[in-house]
């Protein structure tokens, strides 16, 4: 039902975000393969950070892209300037009928028939 954005994955492995980790356990979100590339592909990632992120990702369901996701992402990028990662993550949600959980709700609120939540706001 829910897909977690890359930014929340990064926050979740930081000590001060215990509530977010609890939210993840309670909601069992999935994530887009794009998020795996974004968070583990960070050039200055330290070994301990990489291990924590890998452990978290390995405990969540991954959703892979399909050809429909690419077409949806293209249509989104034609409507408004957005990063490729955001377009593909939004397209993954749309294609799989998922709500996007992100701290950057403003980046996605313009998309029609698209649900976004911020777990930091309760």
N, C-alpha and C. Protein backbone atom coordinates (compact mmCIF):
# COMPACT_ATOMS: atom_id res chain seq x y z
N UNK A 1 0.81 -1.20 0.00
CA UNK A 1 0.00 0.00 0.00
C UNK A 1 0.86 1.27 0.00
N UNK A 2 2.07 1.20 0.59
CA UNK A 2 2.90 2.39 0.70
C UNK A 2 4.30 2.12 0.16
N UNK A 3 4.88 3.16 -0.44
CA UNK A 3 6.25 3.09 -0.94
C UNK A 3 7.04 4.20 -0.24
N UNK A 4 8.19 3.84 0.30
CA UNK A 4 9.01 4.80 1.04
C UNK A 4 10.03 5.45 0.10
N UNK A 5 10.16 6.75 0.20
CA UNK A 5 11.08 7.51 -0.64
C UNK A 5 12.51 7.40 -0.09
N UNK A 6 13.46 7.69 -0.94
CA UNK A 6 14.88 7.59 -0.59
C UNK A 6 15.24 8.42 0.64
N UNK A 7 14.68 9.62 0.76
CA UNK A 7 15.06 10.47 1.87
C UNK A 7 14.68 9.85 3.22
N UNK A 8 13.56 9.17 3.28
CA UNK A 8 13.15 8.53 4.53
C UNK A 8 14.04 7.34 4.86
N UNK A 9 14.50 6.64 3.85
CA UNK A 9 15.42 5.52 4.07
C UNK A 9 16.71 6.04 4.70
N UNK A 10 17.21 7.14 4.20
CA UNK A 10 18.43 7.74 4.73
C UNK A 10 18.23 8.19 6.18
N UNK A 11 17.11 8.87 6.44
CA UNK A 11 16.83 9.31 7.81
C UNK A 11 16.70 8.12 8.76
N UNK A 12 16.10 7.07 8.31
CA UNK A 12 15.76 5.94 9.19
C UNK A 12 16.98 5.28 9.82
N UNK A 13 18.13 5.36 9.19
CA UNK A 13 19.31 4.72 9.78
C UNK A 13 20.09 5.65 10.70
N UNK A 14 19.60 6.87 10.87
CA UNK A 14 20.25 7.82 11.77
C UNK A 14 19.64 7.68 13.17
N UNK A 15 20.49 7.71 14.17
CA UNK A 15 20.09 7.43 15.55
C UNK A 15 18.91 8.26 16.03
N UNK A 16 18.86 9.52 15.65
CA UNK A 16 17.83 10.42 16.19
C UNK A 16 16.42 10.19 15.62
N UNK A 17 16.28 9.29 14.67
CA UNK A 17 14.98 9.07 14.02
C UNK A 17 14.33 7.75 14.42
N UNK A 18 14.31 7.49 15.71
CA UNK A 18 13.69 6.26 16.24
C UNK A 18 12.22 6.17 15.86
N UNK A 19 11.50 7.28 15.91
CA UNK A 19 10.07 7.27 15.57
C UNK A 19 9.84 6.85 14.12
N UNK A 20 10.72 7.27 13.24
CA UNK A 20 10.61 6.88 11.84
C UNK A 20 10.84 5.38 11.68
N UNK A 21 11.82 4.84 12.40
CA UNK A 21 12.05 3.39 12.34
C UNK A 21 10.83 2.63 12.84
N UNK A 22 10.20 3.12 13.89
CA UNK A 22 8.98 2.50 14.40
C UNK A 22 7.86 2.58 13.37
N UNK A 23 7.76 3.72 12.69
CA UNK A 23 6.75 3.90 11.64
C UNK A 23 6.98 2.88 10.52
N UNK A 24 8.23 2.66 10.15
CA UNK A 24 8.55 1.68 9.10
C UNK A 24 8.14 0.28 9.53
N UNK A 25 8.44 -0.09 10.76
CA UNK A 25 8.05 -1.41 11.27
C UNK A 25 6.54 -1.56 11.26
N UNK A 26 5.83 -0.53 11.68
CA UNK A 26 4.36 -0.58 11.74
C UNK A 26 3.70 -0.63 10.37
N UNK A 27 4.29 0.06 9.39
CA UNK A 27 3.65 0.20 8.07
C UNK A 27 4.20 -0.71 6.99
N UNK A 28 5.36 -1.30 7.20
CA UNK A 28 5.98 -2.21 6.25
C UNK A 28 5.93 -1.69 4.80
N UNK A 29 6.48 -0.51 4.56
CA UNK A 29 6.44 0.01 3.18
C UNK A 29 7.38 -0.77 2.27
N UNK A 30 7.12 -0.68 0.99
CA UNK A 30 8.05 -1.22 0.00
C UNK A 30 8.91 -0.03 -0.47
N UNK A 31 9.85 -0.29 -1.36
CA UNK A 31 10.65 0.79 -1.93
C UNK A 31 10.95 0.49 -3.39
N UNK A 32 11.20 1.54 -4.14
CA UNK A 32 11.56 1.40 -5.55
C UNK A 32 13.03 1.05 -5.67
N UNK A 33 13.36 0.24 -6.64
CA UNK A 33 14.76 -0.08 -6.91
C UNK A 33 15.57 1.20 -7.14
N UNK A 34 14.92 2.25 -7.60
CA UNK A 34 15.60 3.54 -7.79
C UNK A 34 16.13 4.06 -6.46
N UNK A 35 15.38 3.87 -5.39
CA UNK A 35 15.85 4.31 -4.07
C UNK A 35 17.09 3.55 -3.65
N UNK A 36 17.16 2.30 -3.98
CA UNK A 36 18.37 1.51 -3.64
C UNK A 36 19.59 2.12 -4.34
N UNK A 37 19.43 2.48 -5.60
CA UNK A 37 20.52 3.10 -6.34
C UNK A 37 20.86 4.46 -5.73
N UNK A 38 19.85 5.25 -5.39
CA UNK A 38 20.10 6.58 -4.83
C UNK A 38 20.82 6.51 -3.49
N UNK A 39 20.36 5.67 -2.57
CA UNK A 39 20.95 5.69 -1.23
C UNK A 39 22.28 4.94 -1.17
N UNK A 40 22.41 3.83 -1.86
CA UNK A 40 23.68 3.09 -1.81
C UNK A 40 24.70 3.63 -2.80
N UNK A 41 24.26 4.44 -3.75
CA UNK A 41 25.16 5.00 -4.75
C UNK A 41 25.80 6.31 -4.34
N UNK A 42 25.53 6.78 -3.13
CA UNK A 42 26.12 8.03 -2.66
C UNK A 42 27.64 7.86 -2.56
N UNK A 43 28.39 8.74 -3.20
CA UNK A 43 29.84 8.59 -3.34
C UNK A 43 30.60 8.60 -2.02
N UNK A 44 30.13 9.35 -1.04
CA UNK A 44 30.86 9.46 0.23
C UNK A 44 30.26 8.59 1.33
N UNK A 45 29.59 7.54 0.95
CA UNK A 45 28.96 6.65 1.92
C UNK A 45 30.03 5.86 2.66
N UNK A 46 29.99 5.92 3.98
CA UNK A 46 30.94 5.18 4.80
C UNK A 46 30.46 3.75 4.97
N UNK A 47 31.37 2.85 5.25
CA UNK A 47 31.06 1.42 5.34
C UNK A 47 29.96 1.13 6.36
N UNK A 48 29.98 1.78 7.50
CA UNK A 48 28.96 1.54 8.52
C UNK A 48 27.59 2.03 8.06
N UNK A 49 27.57 3.16 7.36
CA UNK A 49 26.32 3.68 6.81
C UNK A 49 25.79 2.74 5.73
N UNK A 50 26.67 2.29 4.87
CA UNK A 50 26.26 1.38 3.81
C UNK A 50 25.66 0.11 4.39
N UNK A 51 26.25 -0.42 5.44
CA UNK A 51 25.74 -1.64 6.05
C UNK A 51 24.37 -1.40 6.66
N UNK A 52 24.18 -0.28 7.36
CA UNK A 52 22.88 0.03 7.97
C UNK A 52 21.81 0.20 6.90
N UNK A 53 22.13 0.89 5.82
CA UNK A 53 21.17 1.08 4.73
C UNK A 53 20.84 -0.24 4.04
N UNK A 54 21.87 -1.04 3.80
CA UNK A 54 21.66 -2.35 3.17
C UNK A 54 20.78 -3.23 4.04
N UNK A 55 21.03 -3.24 5.33
CA UNK A 55 20.22 -4.05 6.26
C UNK A 55 18.75 -3.61 6.21
N UNK A 56 18.52 -2.30 6.22
CA UNK A 56 17.15 -1.80 6.16
C UNK A 56 16.49 -2.21 4.84
N UNK A 57 17.16 -1.95 3.74
CA UNK A 57 16.59 -2.26 2.43
C UNK A 57 16.31 -3.76 2.27
N UNK A 58 17.18 -4.58 2.81
CA UNK A 58 17.01 -6.02 2.69
C UNK A 58 15.82 -6.54 3.49
N UNK A 59 15.28 -5.70 4.37
CA UNK A 59 14.11 -6.09 5.16
C UNK A 59 12.81 -5.50 4.63
N UNK A 60 12.89 -4.81 3.49
CA UNK A 60 11.71 -4.24 2.86
C UNK A 60 11.52 -4.86 1.48
N UNK A 61 10.29 -4.86 1.01
CA UNK A 61 10.00 -5.36 -0.33
C UNK A 61 10.47 -4.34 -1.37
N UNK A 62 11.19 -4.81 -2.36
CA UNK A 62 11.65 -3.94 -3.45
C UNK A 62 10.67 -4.08 -4.62
N UNK A 63 10.39 -2.95 -5.26
CA UNK A 63 9.55 -2.94 -6.45
C UNK A 63 10.43 -2.52 -7.63
N UNK A 64 10.47 -3.36 -8.64
CA UNK A 64 11.28 -3.10 -9.82
C UNK A 64 10.45 -2.34 -10.86
N UNK A 65 11.15 -1.66 -11.72
CA UNK A 65 10.49 -0.90 -12.79
C UNK A 65 10.04 -1.84 -13.90
N UNK A 66 8.97 -1.45 -14.55
CA UNK A 66 8.52 -2.15 -15.75
C UNK A 66 8.32 -1.11 -16.85
N UNK A 67 8.07 -1.52 -18.08
CA UNK A 67 7.94 -0.54 -19.16
C UNK A 67 6.89 0.54 -18.92
N UNK A 68 5.82 0.22 -18.24
CA UNK A 68 4.79 1.24 -17.95
C UNK A 68 5.36 2.34 -17.05
N UNK A 69 6.23 1.97 -16.12
CA UNK A 69 6.85 2.96 -15.24
C UNK A 69 7.65 3.98 -16.05
N UNK A 70 8.36 3.51 -17.05
CA UNK A 70 9.15 4.43 -17.87
C UNK A 70 8.24 5.42 -18.59
N UNK A 71 7.15 4.92 -19.13
CA UNK A 71 6.23 5.80 -19.87
C UNK A 71 5.57 6.82 -18.95
N UNK A 72 5.21 6.39 -17.75
CA UNK A 72 4.61 7.32 -16.77
C UNK A 72 5.64 8.38 -16.38
N UNK A 73 6.88 7.96 -16.14
CA UNK A 73 7.94 8.91 -15.77
C UNK A 73 8.17 9.93 -16.88
N UNK A 74 8.15 9.48 -18.12
CA UNK A 74 8.30 10.40 -19.25
C UNK A 74 7.17 11.43 -19.24
N UNK A 75 5.95 10.96 -19.06
CA UNK A 75 4.80 11.88 -19.04
C UNK A 75 4.91 12.88 -17.90
N UNK A 76 5.37 12.43 -16.74
CA UNK A 76 5.53 13.35 -15.60
C UNK A 76 6.58 14.40 -15.90
N UNK A 77 7.71 13.98 -16.45
CA UNK A 77 8.79 14.92 -16.75
C UNK A 77 8.40 15.91 -17.85
N UNK A 78 7.47 15.50 -18.73
CA UNK A 78 7.00 16.42 -19.76
C UNK A 78 6.09 17.49 -19.17
N UNK A 79 5.45 17.18 -18.05
CA UNK A 79 4.54 18.14 -17.42
C UNK A 79 5.26 19.19 -16.58
N UNK A 80 6.34 18.77 -15.92
CA UNK A 80 7.02 19.68 -15.00
C UNK A 80 8.45 19.20 -14.79
N UNK A 81 9.35 20.16 -14.56
CA UNK A 81 10.73 19.81 -14.30
C UNK A 81 10.81 19.05 -12.98
N UNK A 82 11.42 17.87 -13.03
CA UNK A 82 11.66 17.08 -11.83
C UNK A 82 12.84 16.16 -12.09
N UNK A 83 13.45 15.70 -11.01
CA UNK A 83 14.60 14.81 -11.19
C UNK A 83 14.14 13.47 -11.77
N UNK A 84 15.06 12.79 -12.40
CA UNK A 84 14.75 11.48 -12.96
C UNK A 84 14.36 10.52 -11.84
N UNK A 85 15.08 10.57 -10.72
CA UNK A 85 14.76 9.70 -9.59
C UNK A 85 13.35 9.92 -9.08
N UNK A 86 12.96 11.19 -8.89
CA UNK A 86 11.61 11.49 -8.42
C UNK A 86 10.56 11.03 -9.42
N UNK A 87 10.83 11.24 -10.70
CA UNK A 87 9.87 10.82 -11.73
C UNK A 87 9.68 9.31 -11.72
N UNK A 88 10.78 8.56 -11.60
CA UNK A 88 10.68 7.11 -11.61
C UNK A 88 10.04 6.57 -10.33
N UNK A 89 10.32 7.19 -9.20
CA UNK A 89 9.70 6.77 -7.95
C UNK A 89 8.20 7.06 -7.98
N UNK A 90 7.83 8.25 -8.44
CA UNK A 90 6.40 8.57 -8.56
C UNK A 90 5.72 7.62 -9.53
N UNK A 91 6.36 7.34 -10.64
CA UNK A 91 5.79 6.42 -11.64
C UNK A 91 5.61 5.03 -11.05
N UNK A 92 6.56 4.59 -10.23
CA UNK A 92 6.45 3.29 -9.57
C UNK A 92 5.22 3.26 -8.67
N UNK A 93 4.99 4.34 -7.95
CA UNK A 93 3.80 4.43 -7.10
C UNK A 93 2.52 4.38 -7.93
N UNK A 94 2.49 5.16 -8.98
CA UNK A 94 1.30 5.22 -9.83
C UNK A 94 1.01 3.85 -10.44
N UNK A 95 2.02 3.22 -10.99
CA UNK A 95 1.86 1.93 -11.64
C UNK A 95 1.42 0.84 -10.67
N UNK A 96 1.86 0.94 -9.42
CA UNK A 96 1.58 -0.11 -8.43
C UNK A 96 0.54 0.29 -7.39
N UNK A 97 -0.17 1.42 -7.64
CA UNK A 97 -1.21 1.90 -6.73
C UNK A 97 -0.71 2.02 -5.30
N UNK A 98 0.41 2.71 -5.13
CA UNK A 98 1.02 2.92 -3.82
C UNK A 98 0.94 4.38 -3.42
N UNK A 99 0.87 4.61 -2.14
CA UNK A 99 0.99 5.94 -1.56
C UNK A 99 2.47 6.19 -1.34
N UNK A 100 2.96 7.37 -1.67
CA UNK A 100 4.37 7.69 -1.46
C UNK A 100 4.56 8.31 -0.09
N UNK A 101 5.45 7.74 0.69
CA UNK A 101 5.85 8.31 1.98
C UNK A 101 7.18 9.03 1.77
N UNK A 102 7.18 10.34 2.00
CA UNK A 102 8.37 11.15 1.76
C UNK A 102 8.34 12.36 2.69
N UNK A 103 9.51 12.92 2.93
CA UNK A 103 9.56 14.17 3.68
C UNK A 103 9.38 15.35 2.71
N UNK A 104 9.54 15.10 1.42
CA UNK A 104 9.47 16.15 0.39
C UNK A 104 8.11 16.13 -0.32
N UNK A 105 7.04 16.27 0.41
CA UNK A 105 5.71 16.17 -0.18
C UNK A 105 5.47 17.25 -1.25
N UNK A 106 6.06 18.41 -1.08
CA UNK A 106 5.85 19.49 -2.05
C UNK A 106 6.35 19.14 -3.44
N UNK A 107 7.34 18.25 -3.52
CA UNK A 107 7.88 17.85 -4.82
C UNK A 107 6.88 17.04 -5.65
N UNK A 108 5.85 16.51 -4.99
CA UNK A 108 4.94 15.59 -5.66
C UNK A 108 3.47 16.02 -5.62
N UNK A 109 3.13 17.05 -4.86
CA UNK A 109 1.71 17.38 -4.65
C UNK A 109 1.00 17.85 -5.91
N UNK A 110 1.73 18.21 -6.93
CA UNK A 110 1.12 18.67 -8.19
C UNK A 110 0.61 17.52 -9.06
N UNK A 111 1.02 16.30 -8.75
CA UNK A 111 0.64 15.15 -9.58
C UNK A 111 -0.80 14.75 -9.28
N UNK A 112 -1.62 14.70 -10.32
CA UNK A 112 -3.04 14.36 -10.15
C UNK A 112 -3.22 12.90 -9.75
N UNK A 113 -4.24 12.68 -8.91
CA UNK A 113 -4.59 11.33 -8.46
C UNK A 113 -3.39 10.60 -7.86
N UNK A 114 -2.63 11.30 -7.05
CA UNK A 114 -1.41 10.77 -6.45
C UNK A 114 -1.42 11.12 -4.97
N UNK A 115 -1.25 10.13 -4.13
CA UNK A 115 -1.29 10.35 -2.68
C UNK A 115 0.12 10.35 -2.10
N UNK A 116 0.37 11.35 -1.27
CA UNK A 116 1.67 11.52 -0.63
C UNK A 116 1.45 11.78 0.86
N UNK A 117 2.27 11.14 1.69
CA UNK A 117 2.22 11.42 3.13
C UNK A 117 3.63 11.68 3.65
N UNK A 118 3.70 12.44 4.72
CA UNK A 118 4.95 12.71 5.40
C UNK A 118 4.84 12.12 6.80
N UNK A 119 5.55 11.03 7.09
CA UNK A 119 5.45 10.40 8.40
C UNK A 119 5.95 11.29 9.55
N UNK A 120 6.67 12.36 9.23
CA UNK A 120 7.12 13.28 10.27
C UNK A 120 5.99 14.17 10.76
N UNK A 121 4.94 14.30 9.96
CA UNK A 121 3.76 15.10 10.35
C UNK A 121 2.66 14.16 10.77
N UNK A 122 2.26 14.26 11.99
CA UNK A 122 1.20 13.36 12.46
C UNK A 122 -0.01 14.14 12.90
